[in-house]
């Protein structure tokens, strides 16, 4: 569970953890019911597949909030590790800013799609509007942006980068102070 350096629990992440777990279990039940209906009972029930797909969207975006809350997303850092500390830190900042820009665009697009699909219903579940697919994106994007912003503020990039950057900055300020005397 996400927490900060004082050991406090991040309740926003805890809520997303519970929600993602509940939706994941619902997705498993929908997929299992599809198998039971199709192969055991020999009945075709198409809404189970569509429902599992909707739950998958929810799990994906709620899980992304959890990954960003803990800064645990998968990263390929081979090339970034070859850079000097200042450049590595600049690249990390650039990646976070680009990700935040992308998420703002995704959030705006989701609101537009939510509004435009409110009158359409799923073919196998006529009681359920298509717009429910955009709800997890609308909910999750602001939280993901928030956690990316916190990473920028608190240098939650890998600790070696932050430590090396602080050391380089200390050396630079020491040279500047020593050179001015």
Protein backbone atom coordinates (compact mmCIF):
# COMPACT_ATOMS: atom_id res chain seq x y z
CA UNK A 1 0.00 0.00 0.00
CA UNK A 2 1.23 3.44 -0.84
CA UNK A 3 2.50 5.51 2.01
CA UNK A 4 4.85 8.40 2.49
CA UNK A 5 8.09 8.65 4.42
CA UNK A 6 6.30 9.28 7.74
CA UNK A 7 4.52 5.92 7.43
CA UNK A 8 1.10 7.43 6.78
CA UNK A 9 -1.31 5.42 4.69
CA UNK A 10 -2.44 6.93 1.40
CA UNK A 11 -6.20 6.53 1.74
CA UNK A 12 -6.85 7.49 -1.88
CA UNK A 13 -4.66 4.61 -3.02
CA UNK A 14 -6.28 2.29 -0.48
CA UNK A 15 -9.73 3.09 -1.90
CA UNK A 16 -8.47 2.38 -5.43
CA UNK A 17 -6.89 -0.85 -4.17
CA UNK A 18 -10.20 -2.05 -2.74
CA UNK A 19 -12.11 -0.95 -5.85
CA UNK A 20 -9.62 -2.61 -8.21
CA UNK A 21 -9.76 -5.85 -6.21
CA UNK A 22 -13.58 -5.86 -6.20
CA UNK A 23 -13.78 -5.16 -9.94
CA UNK A 24 -11.11 -7.79 -10.63
CA UNK A 25 -13.14 -10.39 -8.76
CA UNK A 26 -16.26 -9.33 -10.68
CA UNK A 27 -14.31 -9.67 -13.95
CA UNK A 28 -13.23 -13.19 -12.98
CA UNK A 29 -16.83 -14.11 -12.12
CA UNK A 30 -18.07 -12.75 -15.46
CA UNK A 31 -15.41 -14.71 -17.37
CA UNK A 32 -16.08 -17.88 -15.38
CA UNK A 33 -19.81 -17.57 -15.93
CA UNK A 34 -19.13 -17.31 -19.64
CA UNK A 35 -17.21 -20.59 -19.51
CA UNK A 36 -19.94 -22.26 -17.44
CA UNK A 37 -22.75 -21.07 -19.71
CA UNK A 38 -20.98 -21.86 -22.97
CA UNK A 39 -19.18 -25.13 -22.28
CA UNK A 40 -21.05 -26.74 -19.41
CA UNK A 41 -24.64 -25.60 -19.94
CA UNK A 42 -24.27 -25.27 -23.73
CA UNK A 43 -26.00 -21.86 -23.67
CA UNK A 44 -24.65 -18.82 -25.45
CA UNK A 45 -24.80 -15.80 -23.13
CA UNK A 46 -23.00 -12.94 -24.92
CA UNK A 47 -23.40 -10.35 -22.14
CA UNK A 48 -20.84 -12.18 -19.98
CA UNK A 49 -18.03 -11.43 -22.43
CA UNK A 50 -19.04 -7.79 -22.77
CA UNK A 51 -19.33 -7.38 -19.00
CA UNK A 52 -15.88 -8.92 -18.47
CA UNK A 53 -14.47 -6.48 -21.04
CA UNK A 54 -16.01 -3.51 -19.19
CA UNK A 55 -14.58 -4.74 -15.89
CA UNK A 56 -11.17 -5.11 -17.56
CA UNK A 57 -11.20 -1.40 -18.43
CA UNK A 58 -11.96 -0.54 -14.80
CA UNK A 59 -9.21 -2.81 -13.48
CA UNK A 60 -6.68 -1.35 -15.91
CA UNK A 61 -7.26 2.27 -14.94
CA UNK A 62 -7.72 1.68 -11.21
CA UNK A 63 -4.54 -0.40 -11.25
CA UNK A 64 -2.68 2.40 -13.03
CA UNK A 65 -3.54 4.73 -10.16
CA UNK A 66 -2.04 2.20 -7.75
CA UNK A 67 1.12 1.84 -9.85
CA UNK A 68 1.68 5.59 -9.94
CA UNK A 69 0.87 5.96 -6.24
CA UNK A 70 3.73 3.58 -5.45
CA UNK A 71 5.91 4.59 -8.43
CA UNK A 72 5.97 0.92 -9.43
CA UNK A 73 5.30 1.04 -13.15
CA UNK A 74 7.48 -1.04 -15.44
CA UNK A 75 10.42 0.96 -16.74
CA UNK A 76 13.18 0.23 -19.19
CA UNK A 77 16.05 2.35 -17.95
CA UNK A 78 19.01 0.96 -19.87
CA UNK A 79 19.60 4.13 -21.89
CA UNK A 80 18.58 6.52 -19.12
CA UNK A 81 21.05 4.86 -16.72
CA UNK A 82 23.87 5.72 -19.12
CA UNK A 83 23.15 9.46 -18.77
CA UNK A 84 24.80 11.74 -16.21
CA UNK A 85 22.69 12.47 -13.09
CA UNK A 86 21.40 15.88 -14.20
CA UNK A 87 20.38 14.53 -17.60
CA UNK A 88 18.70 11.50 -16.03
CA UNK A 89 16.73 13.71 -13.71
CA UNK A 90 15.76 16.01 -16.60
CA UNK A 91 14.59 13.01 -18.64
CA UNK A 92 12.51 11.77 -15.70
CA UNK A 93 10.92 15.20 -15.32
CA UNK A 94 10.27 15.31 -19.08
CA UNK A 95 8.66 11.89 -19.03
CA UNK A 96 6.41 12.82 -16.11
CA UNK A 97 5.38 16.11 -17.73
CA UNK A 98 4.68 14.35 -21.04
CA UNK A 99 2.66 11.68 -19.21
CA UNK A 100 0.66 14.35 -17.42
CA UNK A 101 -0.05 16.11 -20.74
CA UNK A 102 -1.17 12.81 -22.28
CA UNK A 103 -3.45 12.11 -19.30
CA UNK A 104 -5.04 15.56 -19.54
CA UNK A 105 -5.80 14.87 -23.21
CA UNK A 106 -7.16 11.41 -22.32
CA UNK A 107 -9.32 12.92 -19.58
CA UNK A 108 -10.78 15.56 -21.90
CA UNK A 109 -11.38 12.99 -24.65
CA UNK A 110 -13.08 10.66 -22.17
CA UNK A 111 -15.46 13.38 -21.05
CA UNK A 112 -16.32 14.10 -24.69
CA UNK A 113 -16.86 10.40 -25.42
CA UNK A 114 -18.84 9.93 -22.20
CA UNK A 115 -21.25 12.69 -23.24
CA UNK A 116 -21.57 11.47 -26.82
CA UNK A 117 -22.21 7.84 -25.86
CA UNK A 118 -24.76 8.40 -23.10
CA UNK A 119 -27.67 7.65 -25.42
CA UNK A 120 -26.17 4.41 -26.80
CA UNK A 121 -26.58 1.09 -25.04
CA UNK A 122 -24.68 -2.16 -25.28
CA UNK A 123 -26.18 -4.66 -27.71
CA UNK A 124 -26.17 -7.52 -25.23
CA UNK A 125 -27.10 -5.36 -22.22
CA UNK A 126 -29.64 -2.81 -23.44
CA UNK A 127 -30.09 -1.42 -19.93
CA UNK A 128 -26.42 -0.34 -19.70
CA UNK A 129 -25.20 2.78 -21.53
CA UNK A 130 -21.91 2.60 -23.42
CA UNK A 131 -20.73 5.64 -21.48
CA UNK A 132 -19.91 3.44 -18.44
CA UNK A 133 -16.69 2.45 -20.23
CA UNK A 134 -15.39 6.01 -19.82
CA UNK A 135 -16.13 6.36 -16.11
CA UNK A 136 -12.90 4.71 -14.87
CA UNK A 137 -10.83 6.94 -17.15
CA UNK A 138 -12.60 10.06 -15.91
CA UNK A 139 -12.11 8.96 -12.30
CA UNK A 140 -8.53 7.73 -12.61
CA UNK A 141 -6.82 10.37 -14.76
CA UNK A 142 -6.86 13.17 -12.15
CA UNK A 143 -5.41 10.81 -9.53
CA UNK A 144 -2.70 9.55 -11.87
CA UNK A 145 -1.79 13.15 -12.73
CA UNK A 146 -1.71 13.96 -9.00
CA UNK A 147 0.70 11.11 -8.26
CA UNK A 148 2.92 12.05 -11.21
CA UNK A 149 2.99 15.61 -9.88
CA UNK A 150 3.94 14.34 -6.41
CA UNK A 151 6.76 12.37 -7.99
CA UNK A 152 8.05 15.60 -9.49
CA UNK A 153 7.81 17.44 -6.17
CA UNK A 154 9.31 14.80 -3.95
CA UNK A 155 11.91 13.35 -6.32
CA UNK A 156 10.37 9.89 -6.20
CA UNK A 157 12.52 8.89 -9.12
CA UNK A 158 14.93 6.10 -8.17
CA UNK A 159 16.82 7.15 -5.04
CA UNK A 160 20.25 6.92 -6.68
CA UNK A 161 19.27 9.58 -9.21
CA UNK A 162 18.01 11.93 -6.50
CA UNK A 163 21.10 11.30 -4.32
CA UNK A 164 23.48 11.81 -7.25
CA UNK A 165 21.69 14.99 -8.28
CA UNK A 166 21.88 16.39 -4.74
CA UNK A 167 25.60 15.58 -4.65
CA UNK A 168 26.20 17.27 -8.01
CA UNK A 169 24.22 20.32 -6.90
CA UNK A 170 26.20 20.45 -3.65
CA UNK A 171 29.46 20.31 -5.61
CA UNK A 172 28.25 23.03 -8.00
CA UNK A 173 27.17 25.31 -5.16
CA UNK A 174 30.44 24.61 -3.29
CA UNK A 175 32.46 25.52 -6.37
CA UNK A 176 30.37 28.65 -6.86
CA UNK A 177 30.83 29.69 -3.20
CA UNK A 178 34.54 28.82 -3.22
CA UNK A 179 35.14 30.63 -6.47
CA UNK A 180 33.44 33.82 -5.27
CA UNK A 181 35.63 34.17 -2.15
